[in-house]
PDB file of N, CA and C in Angstrom:
ATOM      1  N   UNK A   1       0.850  -1.185   0.000  1.00  0.00           N
ATOM      2  CA  UNK A   1       0.000   0.000   0.000  1.00  0.00           C
ATOM      3  C   UNK A   1       0.890   1.241   0.000  1.00  0.00           C
ATOM      4  N   UNK A   2       0.444   2.258  -0.702  1.00  0.00           N
ATOM      5  CA  UNK A   2       1.202   3.506  -0.807  1.00  0.00           C
ATOM      6  C   UNK A   2       1.092   4.333   0.474  1.00  0.00           C
ATOM      7  N   UNK A   3       2.056   5.222   0.674  1.00  0.00           N
ATOM      8  CA  UNK A   3       1.989   6.148   1.796  1.00  0.00           C
ATOM      9  C   UNK A   3       1.211   7.406   1.378  1.00  0.00           C
ATOM     10  N   UNK A   4       1.037   8.310   2.316  1.00  0.00           N
ATOM     11  CA  UNK A   4       0.230   9.514   2.082  1.00  0.00           C
ATOM     12  C   UNK A   4       0.707  10.294   0.865  1.00  0.00           C
ATOM     13  N   UNK A   5       1.998  10.581   0.808  1.00  0.00           N
ATOM     14  CA  UNK A   5       2.514  11.426  -0.273  1.00  0.00           C
ATOM     15  C   UNK A   5       2.395  10.752  -1.637  1.00  0.00           C
ATOM     16  N   UNK A   6       2.552   9.456  -1.695  1.00  0.00           N
ATOM     17  CA  UNK A   6       2.397   8.738  -2.960  1.00  0.00           C
ATOM     18  C   UNK A   6       0.948   8.779  -3.438  1.00  0.00           C
ATOM     19  N   UNK A   7       0.023   8.664  -2.513  1.00  0.00           N
ATOM     20  CA  UNK A   7      -1.399   8.728  -2.869  1.00  0.00           C
ATOM     21  C   UNK A   7      -1.745  10.118  -3.392  1.00  0.00           C
ATOM     22  N   UNK A   8      -1.265  11.147  -2.722  1.00  0.00           N
ATOM     23  CA  UNK A   8      -1.537  12.523  -3.161  1.00  0.00           C
ATOM     24  C   UNK A   8      -0.900  12.772  -4.525  1.00  0.00           C
ATOM     25  N   UNK A   9       0.308  12.256  -4.736  1.00  0.00           N
ATOM     26  CA  UNK A   9       0.958  12.393  -6.040  1.00  0.00           C
ATOM     27  C   UNK A   9       0.151  11.705  -7.136  1.00  0.00           C
ATOM     28  N   UNK A  10      -0.424  10.555  -6.833  1.00  0.00           N
ATOM     29  CA  UNK A  10      -1.268   9.845  -7.800  1.00  0.00           C
ATOM     30  C   UNK A  10      -2.504  10.672  -8.137  1.00  0.00           C
ATOM     31  N   UNK A  11      -3.114  11.283  -7.120  1.00  0.00           N
ATOM     32  CA  UNK A  11      -4.281  12.142  -7.358  1.00  0.00           C
ATOM     33  C   UNK A  11      -3.895  13.367  -8.189  1.00  0.00           C
ATOM     34  N   UNK A  12      -2.743  13.932  -7.906  1.00  0.00           N
ATOM     35  CA  UNK A  12      -2.273  15.092  -8.680  1.00  0.00           C
ATOM     36  C   UNK A  12      -2.024  14.708 -10.134  1.00  0.00           C
ATOM     37  N   UNK A  13      -1.463  13.531 -10.337  1.00  0.00           N
ATOM     38  CA  UNK A  13      -1.215  13.049 -11.692  1.00  0.00           C
ATOM     39  C   UNK A  13      -2.535  12.849 -12.430  1.00  0.00           C
ATOM     40  N   UNK A  14      -3.543  12.323 -11.725  1.00  0.00           N
ATOM     41  CA  UNK A  14      -4.871  12.144 -12.309  1.00  0.00           C
ATOM     42  C   UNK A  14      -5.458  13.489 -12.741  1.00  0.00           C
ATOM     43  N   UNK A  15      -5.279  14.495 -11.913  1.00  0.00           N
ATOM     44  CA  UNK A  15      -5.806  15.830 -12.216  1.00  0.00           C
ATOM     45  C   UNK A  15      -5.075  16.521 -13.350  1.00  0.00           C
ATOM     46  N   UNK A  16      -3.783  16.372 -13.397  1.00  0.00           N
ATOM     47  CA  UNK A  16      -2.971  17.161 -14.315  1.00  0.00           C
ATOM     48  C   UNK A  16      -2.968  16.646 -15.742  1.00  0.00           C
ATOM     49  N   UNK A  17      -3.244  15.374 -15.919  1.00  0.00           N
ATOM     50  CA  UNK A  17      -3.113  14.755 -17.237  1.00  0.00           C
ATOM     51  C   UNK A  17      -1.700  14.948 -17.765  1.00  0.00           C
ATOM     52  N   UNK A  18      -0.744  15.162 -16.859  1.00  0.00           N
ATOM     53  CA  UNK A  18       0.658  15.250 -17.213  1.00  0.00           C
ATOM     54  C   UNK A  18       1.138  16.564 -17.782  1.00  0.00           C
ATOM     55  N   UNK A  19       0.295  17.612 -17.818  1.00  0.00           N
ATOM     56  CA  UNK A  19       0.733  18.830 -18.492  1.00  0.00           C
ATOM     57  C   UNK A  19       0.705  20.110 -17.664  1.00  0.00           C
ATOM     58  N   UNK A  20       0.201  20.075 -16.439  1.00  0.00           N
ATOM     59  CA  UNK A  20       0.217  21.293 -15.631  1.00  0.00           C
ATOM     60  C   UNK A  20       0.465  20.970 -14.167  1.00  0.00           C
ATOM     61  N   UNK A  21       0.944  21.969 -13.436  1.00  0.00           N
ATOM     62  CA  UNK A  21       1.246  21.789 -12.015  1.00  0.00           C
ATOM     63  C   UNK A  21      -0.042  21.854 -11.210  1.00  0.00           C
ATOM     64  N   UNK A  22      -0.203  20.894 -10.336  1.00  0.00           N
ATOM     65  CA  UNK A  22      -1.390  20.811  -9.491  1.00  0.00           C
ATOM     66  C   UNK A  22      -0.986  21.112  -8.053  1.00  0.00           C
ATOM     67  N   UNK A  23      -1.747  21.969  -7.415  1.00  0.00           N
ATOM     68  CA  UNK A  23      -1.478  22.371  -6.035  1.00  0.00           C
ATOM     69  C   UNK A  23      -2.337  21.579  -5.059  1.00  0.00           C
ATOM     70  N   UNK A  24      -1.991  21.685  -3.773  1.00  0.00           N
ATOM     71  CA  UNK A  24      -2.763  20.993  -2.746  1.00  0.00           C
ATOM     72  C   UNK A  24      -4.215  21.451  -2.730  1.00  0.00           C
ATOM     73  N   UNK A  25      -4.446  22.726  -3.010  1.00  0.00           N
ATOM     74  CA  UNK A  25      -5.830  23.212  -3.012  1.00  0.00           C
ATOM     75  C   UNK A  25      -6.644  22.541  -4.111  1.00  0.00           C
ATOM     76  N   UNK A  26      -5.993  22.177  -5.212  1.00  0.00           N
ATOM     77  CA  UNK A  26      -6.676  21.464  -6.292  1.00  0.00           C
ATOM     78  C   UNK A  26      -7.069  20.052  -5.855  1.00  0.00           C
ATOM     79  N   UNK A  27      -6.196  19.413  -5.097  1.00  0.00           N
ATOM     80  CA  UNK A  27      -6.499  18.080  -4.573  1.00  0.00           C
ATOM     81  C   UNK A  27      -7.644  18.168  -3.571  1.00  0.00           C
ATOM     82  N   UNK A  28      -7.627  19.189  -2.729  1.00  0.00           N
ATOM     83  CA  UNK A  28      -8.712  19.380  -1.760  1.00  0.00           C
ATOM     84  C   UNK A  28     -10.045  19.563  -2.487  1.00  0.00           C
ATOM     85  N   UNK A  29     -10.038  20.329  -3.553  1.00  0.00           N
ATOM     86  CA  UNK A  29     -11.252  20.536  -4.344  1.00  0.00           C
ATOM     87  C   UNK A  29     -11.688  19.221  -4.986  1.00  0.00           C
ATOM     88  N   UNK A  30     -10.732  18.472  -5.500  1.00  0.00           N
ATOM     89  CA  UNK A  30     -11.012  17.178  -6.116  1.00  0.00           C
ATOM     90  C   UNK A  30     -11.697  16.244  -5.129  1.00  0.00           C
ATOM     91  N   UNK A  31     -11.219  16.246  -3.886  1.00  0.00           N
ATOM     92  CA  UNK A  31     -11.773  15.378  -2.856  1.00  0.00           C
ATOM     93  C   UNK A  31     -12.996  15.982  -2.179  1.00  0.00           C
ATOM     94  N   UNK A  32     -13.335  17.195  -2.566  1.00  0.00           N
ATOM     95  CA  UNK A  32     -14.501  17.892  -2.022  1.00  0.00           C
ATOM     96  C   UNK A  32     -14.384  18.102  -0.509  1.00  0.00           C
ATOM     97  N   UNK A  33     -13.189  18.555  -0.086  1.00  0.00           N
ATOM     98  CA  UNK A  33     -12.964  18.879   1.320  1.00  0.00           C
ATOM     99  C   UNK A  33     -12.372  20.289   1.395  1.00  0.00           C
ATOM    100  N   UNK A  34     -12.583  20.990   2.502  1.00  0.00           N
ATOM    101  CA  UNK A  34     -12.014  22.333   2.653  1.00  0.00           C
ATOM    102  C   UNK A  34     -10.483  22.297   2.648  1.00  0.00           C
ATOM    103  N   UNK A  35      -9.884  23.357   2.145  1.00  0.00           N
ATOM    104  CA  UNK A  35      -8.423  23.439   2.072  1.00  0.00           C
ATOM    105  C   UNK A  35      -7.780  23.356   3.452  1.00  0.00           C
ATOM    106  N   UNK A  36      -8.402  23.951   4.440  1.00  0.00           N
ATOM    107  CA  UNK A  36      -7.852  23.927   5.798  1.00  0.00           C
ATOM    108  C   UNK A  36      -7.825  22.499   6.345  1.00  0.00           C
ATOM    109  N   UNK A  37      -8.875  21.742   6.070  1.00  0.00           N
ATOM    110  CA  UNK A  37      -8.903  20.343   6.518  1.00  0.00           C
ATOM    111  C   UNK A  37      -7.831  19.530   5.802  1.00  0.00           C
ATOM    112  N   UNK A  38      -7.665  19.775   4.511  1.00  0.00           N
ATOM    113  CA  UNK A  38      -6.630  19.065   3.769  1.00  0.00           C
ATOM    114  C   UNK A  38      -5.248  19.390   4.322  1.00  0.00           C
ATOM    115  N   UNK A  39      -5.025  20.652   4.666  1.00  0.00           N
ATOM    116  CA  UNK A  39      -3.736  21.054   5.236  1.00  0.00           C
ATOM    117  C   UNK A  39      -3.473  20.328   6.561  1.00  0.00           C
ATOM    118  N   UNK A  40      -4.509  20.183   7.366  1.00  0.00           N
ATOM    119  CA  UNK A  40      -4.383  19.466   8.634  1.00  0.00           C
ATOM    120  C   UNK A  40      -4.087  17.994   8.396  1.00  0.00           C
ATOM    121  N   UNK A  41      -4.802  17.403   7.448  1.00  0.00           N
ATOM    122  CA  UNK A  41      -4.580  15.997   7.107  1.00  0.00           C
ATOM    123  C   UNK A  41      -3.138  15.791   6.633  1.00  0.00           C
ATOM    124  N   UNK A  42      -2.674  16.713   5.801  1.00  0.00           N
ATOM    125  CA  UNK A  42      -1.318  16.609   5.264  1.00  0.00           C
ATOM    126  C   UNK A  42      -0.283  16.755   6.376  1.00  0.00           C
ATOM    127  N   UNK A  43      -0.513  17.697   7.272  1.00  0.00           N
ATOM    128  CA  UNK A  43       0.418  17.923   8.383  1.00  0.00           C
ATOM    129  C   UNK A  43       0.502  16.694   9.286  1.00  0.00           C
ATOM    130  N   UNK A  44      -0.623  16.041   9.490  1.00  0.00           N
ATOM    131  CA  UNK A  44      -0.666  14.850  10.348  1.00  0.00           C
ATOM    132  C   UNK A  44      -0.297  13.573   9.591  1.00  0.00           C
ATOM    133  N   UNK A  45      -0.141  13.695   8.272  1.00  0.00           N
ATOM    134  CA  UNK A  45       0.229  12.562   7.417  1.00  0.00           C
ATOM    135  C   UNK A  45      -0.815  11.448   7.485  1.00  0.00           C
ATOM    136  N   UNK A  46      -2.093  11.843   7.511  1.00  0.00           N
ATOM    137  CA  UNK A  46      -3.202  10.897   7.580  1.00  0.00           C
ATOM    138  C   UNK A  46      -3.869  10.803   6.209  1.00  0.00           C
ATOM    139  N   UNK A  47      -4.199   9.619   5.803  1.00  0.00           N
ATOM    140  CA  UNK A  47      -4.829   9.404   4.503  1.00  0.00           C
ATOM    141  C   UNK A  47      -6.346   9.561   4.659  1.00  0.00           C
ATOM    142  N   UNK A  48      -6.969  10.441   3.873  1.00  0.00           N
ATOM    143  CA  UNK A  48      -8.427  10.628   3.960  1.00  0.00           C
ATOM    144  C   UNK A  48      -9.165   9.544   3.161  1.00  0.00           C
ATOM    145  N   UNK A  49      -9.190   8.334   3.705  1.00  0.00           N
ATOM    146  CA  UNK A  49      -9.737   7.179   2.986  1.00  0.00           C
ATOM    147  C   UNK A  49     -11.158   7.411   2.486  1.00  0.00           C
ATOM    148  N   UNK A  50     -12.019   7.881   3.370  1.00  0.00           N
ATOM    149  CA  UNK A  50     -13.431   8.055   3.000  1.00  0.00           C
ATOM    150  C   UNK A  50     -13.559   9.026   1.828  1.00  0.00           C
ATOM    151  N   UNK A  51     -12.848  10.138   1.886  1.00  0.00           N
ATOM    152  CA  UNK A  51     -12.935  11.139   0.826  1.00  0.00           C
ATOM    153  C   UNK A  51     -12.390  10.600  -0.497  1.00  0.00           C
ATOM    154  N   UNK A  52     -11.326   9.827  -0.424  1.00  0.00           N
ATOM    155  CA  UNK A  52     -10.753   9.251  -1.638  1.00  0.00           C
ATOM    156  C   UNK A  52     -11.686   8.194  -2.220  1.00  0.00           C
ATOM    157  N   UNK A  53     -12.277   7.383  -1.369  1.00  0.00           N
ATOM    158  CA  UNK A  53     -13.218   6.366  -1.858  1.00  0.00           C
ATOM    159  C   UNK A  53     -14.450   7.003  -2.490  1.00  0.00           C
ATOM    160  N   UNK A  54     -14.937   8.078  -1.899  1.00  0.00           N
ATOM    161  CA  UNK A  54     -16.075   8.791  -2.503  1.00  0.00           C
ATOM    162  C   UNK A  54     -15.686   9.391  -3.855  1.00  0.00           C
ATOM    163  N   UNK A  55     -14.473   9.912  -3.955  1.00  0.00           N
ATOM    164  CA  UNK A  55     -13.972  10.431  -5.220  1.00  0.00           C
ATOM    165  C   UNK A  55     -13.918   9.325  -6.272  1.00  0.00           C
ATOM    166  N   UNK A  56     -13.391   8.168  -5.894  1.00  0.00           N
ATOM    167  CA  UNK A  56     -13.295   7.046  -6.827  1.00  0.00           C
ATOM    168  C   UNK A  56     -14.676   6.605  -7.310  1.00  0.00           C
ATOM    169  N   UNK A  57     -15.632   6.591  -6.403  1.00  0.00           N
ATOM    170  CA  UNK A  57     -17.000   6.223  -6.782  1.00  0.00           C
ATOM    171  C   UNK A  57     -17.584   7.253  -7.735  1.00  0.00           C
ATOM    172  N   UNK A  58     -17.388   8.523  -7.421  1.00  0.00           N
ATOM    173  CA  UNK A  58     -17.927   9.608  -8.246  1.00  0.00           C
ATOM    174  C   UNK A  58     -17.315   9.601  -9.649  1.00  0.00           C
ATOM    175  N   UNK A  59     -16.017   9.328  -9.737  1.00  0.00           N
ATOM    176  CA  UNK A  59     -15.308   9.350 -11.025  1.00  0.00           C
ATOM    177  C   UNK A  59     -15.294   7.990 -11.723  1.00  0.00           C
ATOM    178  N   UNK A  60     -15.848   6.992 -11.038  1.00  0.00           N
ATOM    179  CA  UNK A  60     -15.894   5.628 -11.570  1.00  0.00           C
ATOM    180  C   UNK A  60     -14.509   5.107 -11.947  1.00  0.00           C
ATOM    181  N   UNK A  61     -13.590   5.252 -11.001  1.00  0.00           N
ATOM    182  CA  UNK A  61     -12.261   4.678 -11.183  1.00  0.00           C
ATOM    183  C   UNK A  61     -11.999   3.697 -10.047  1.00  0.00           C
ATOM    184  N   UNK A  62     -11.116   2.776 -10.287  1.00  0.00           N
ATOM    185  CA  UNK A  62     -10.786   1.773  -9.285  1.00  0.00           C
ATOM    186  C   UNK A  62      -9.922   2.392  -8.192  1.00  0.00           C
ATOM    187  N   UNK A  63     -10.289   2.144  -6.951  1.00  0.00           N
ATOM    188  CA  UNK A  63      -9.480   2.658  -5.842  1.00  0.00           C
ATOM    189  C   UNK A  63      -8.124   1.944  -5.770  1.00  0.00           C
ATOM    190  N   UNK A  64      -8.012   0.798  -6.418  1.00  0.00           N
ATOM    191  CA  UNK A  64      -6.715   0.112  -6.468  1.00  0.00           C
ATOM    192  C   UNK A  64      -5.673   0.969  -7.153  1.00  0.00           C
ATOM    193  N   UNK A  65      -6.094   1.759  -8.129  1.00  0.00           N
ATOM    194  CA  UNK A  65      -5.152   2.643  -8.841  1.00  0.00           C
ATOM    195  C   UNK A  65      -4.618   3.741  -7.922  1.00  0.00           C
ATOM    196  N   UNK A  66      -5.385   4.099  -6.930  1.00  0.00           N
ATOM    197  CA  UNK A  66      -5.005   5.158  -6.004  1.00  0.00           C
ATOM    198  C   UNK A  66      -4.159   4.601  -4.853  1.00  0.00           C
ATOM    199  N   UNK A  67      -4.612   3.513  -4.256  1.00  0.00           N
ATOM    200  CA  UNK A  67      -3.997   3.001  -3.026  1.00  0.00           C
ATOM    201  C   UNK A  67      -2.842   2.023  -3.227  1.00  0.00           C
ATOM    202  N   UNK A  68      -2.796   1.366  -4.369  1.00  0.00           N
ATOM    203  CA  UNK A  68      -1.782   0.322  -4.574  1.00  0.00           C
ATOM    204  C   UNK A  68      -0.950   0.615  -5.816  1.00  0.00           C
ATOM    205  N   UNK A  69       0.236   0.013  -5.852  1.00  0.00           N
ATOM    206  CA  UNK A  69       1.141   0.204  -6.996  1.00  0.00           C
ATOM    207  C   UNK A  69       0.666  -0.530  -8.222  1.00  0.00           C
TER     208      UNK A  69
END
C-alpha cells in the first residue's frame, strides 16, 4: 500500500493529465474537502480514505489505482 505522499501524487497526476502543475488546493477541491482540513490531514500525514473512496466512486475509477502500486 502507498503512503500519504504517494497517494496525493497519484491524485495530482490524475488531475494534471501530465501537463500542468497541481497544487494541494486542487487536490482538496477534487476530494470535495475544505483546504484547511486538507492542510491538517497533510500535516498529520493521515490518509483521507473516506474522501478518496467517494472520489473514486464519483469518477468511476478503481481505488486500487489510487492506493496500490
